[in-house]
Amino acid sequence: MVLFFDPARRSPWAGRTSIYAHIQRQIAEQGTPIDGALPDDEQFWGEGQLRWVAGGLDGAMGHHAAPGVLTDEMRDLVGLLAKQTRRPTTSARKATYRKLLETDLGGAMDDVLEEVLKHPGMLAGPLFEEAQWFAEHAADRNVVKFGIALLGLYRNEKVRDLLLALGSHDEFTLYAAVALQNGSDDGNDALFQLAQRVNGWGKIHLVERLEPTTPHIRDWLLREGCANSIMNEYLAHVCAVKGELHAALAAEKVDGELFEGASVIVQALLSGGPAEDIDDYDHAPQVIADYVRHAGTMCASAMQLSVVLDIRAFLDRADEKWEARFANGWTEAGRAACMQACEALLAEPRWTRVVLEAVSPPGLGSGDQSESRKGRARVEHFYGVACARKLGLDVWEQLFGQLAVEPLDSSLYYDLMRTEDAGRVRRVVEFAEAQLPLREIATGPADERGLGPGFKPHMCLDMIVQSLDAHEGVGRRLIAAALMSPVVRNRNLALGVLEAWPVEAWGAEVSETLARLAQLEPEAAVQERVRKLMDHVVG
């Protein structure tokens, strides 16, 4: 007798690592925060698709999208779940699990939970057990999220450690935070515990929900709450208000950690962006004045210097918003006093040394530094370059020298190409032609987005080619390589250069490569640009 295995009867989670086990292992091996990879990445995103940063899809939907709508498919899911609670078999679990994989809950999770609560056939005890199983054993993120959300309907102290572990990963922090808030008396303590573990969208969700119930929490909000791997602007106003920044900076003296944290908050408030900014902050005049006062004795780093420069630019900017500001606490005298204090501080000669040390820190690019030290050096380098530009300091040669150590650092190419000196542009181009792996880049047109560490050379090429439209005839080899790159952005930037140059400046290699691209280009919009250029040549 021959036995045939029916794949449809196999459990969707069989033979796969559960997400909870994966997160536990990461926490044990590297602590927190943990990286964003999950064992279901390939199944969830699909090959070649744009991938959101961990928690990014839910975060963007929660902050910038309208709520979802309950659909018949979602009601069917709730019906399957009710059957599962009445007859909790493996077969029923498989059916519910598969339905979860097929159903996009989108922004409708709250509506689905309401449907669960009012379903007449839903049994509370078995539902809790299935929710815990989904959260603990599922190998797919959306099943885990649904399990966590269901646990939020219950007193869930018994699964607190499970929720804290899952919440340590940005992809699940939002769901764990809501569940912990709804299901325990000390939910705020749990949120604070999690907030100190995560960095990214998870931190945004937690800080937004965290209540400043103790001095310790308020101190943390001011010192560490705002700095994040996802736009500090999301949390600046939240931290300033909840942490009572105005009261903290009103002191005669402040400690270094508070001044550093205030620097992050003030800079993000001035930047504006996706959340409330400086014009939404009731204590803005006082905080700006007190920050500048403390900066007179405490400003020491390029990052802190950049905040003073941003404050000066804000105060000096003549726009229509000042009329509203004067009606909301600002005064002409206060604005002028802050401006004068900024000018006096910026006139000190020490800033040249601070900026140059930030631009060229000892050991930059060497392998003998810890990752944390490298990270801090890169942050200071970024601010050093920004301050140099604002102060009129020429650091081009220092940056060019760093290319020898970091030939695949796209930010260096970006900064170096921000020059009107044609000779300097040629030096960058000649270096790139010699050092970038142009043959490996020019593998043929495809629909790659060019994201991730495997595309560092392509990103470097972007930073150069995007500026070549103003430099006729310079960088032809780079343009030819970009035309044959699998990264769509490379090809589009190269075509933009050719659209700006006269045909006689292209050269034979570029012209031949463009003709070849006309036969190979897979993207319709890019193909149309190629066709127009070829018509121009023929014409």
Foldseek 3Di string as FASTA:
>chain_A
DDDDDDPVPDFPLPPFFAQLVVLVVQCVPPNFDGAQDARCVCVPQPPQGDDDGALRQVLCCVQPNDADDDDPLLLVLLVLLLVCLVPVDPVSLSVSVVSLVVDDCRRVLVVSVVSNVPDPSHDDPSSLVSLVCQLNRHRDLSSNLSSLQSLLVEQNPVCLVSLLSQLSHSNRVLSSLSSLVRRYPPSLVSLVVSCVRHADNSLLNSLVPHALPDLVSLVCLQQPSQDGPPQSLSCLQSSCVRSVLLVQLVDPADDPSNLVSLLSSQQSLLVDDSDHHLVVHLCNLSNLLSNLVRCLPRVDALSSLVSLVSLLCVLPDDDPCVVVVCVRPDDPVSSVVSNVSSVVSVPDPCVVVRLVCLLPPPPALHPPDDPVVNVVSVVRNVSSLVVCVVVVHDCLVVLVVCCVSVVLDLVSLLSQLPDPDLVSLLVNLVSLVVPQPLVVQLPAAAARQQDDPVNSSVSNLLSNLLNCLVPQLGNLSSLLSLCRGNHPSSNVSSLVSLVSYDPVSNDDSNVVSLVVSCVGHPDPVSNVSSVVSVVVVVD
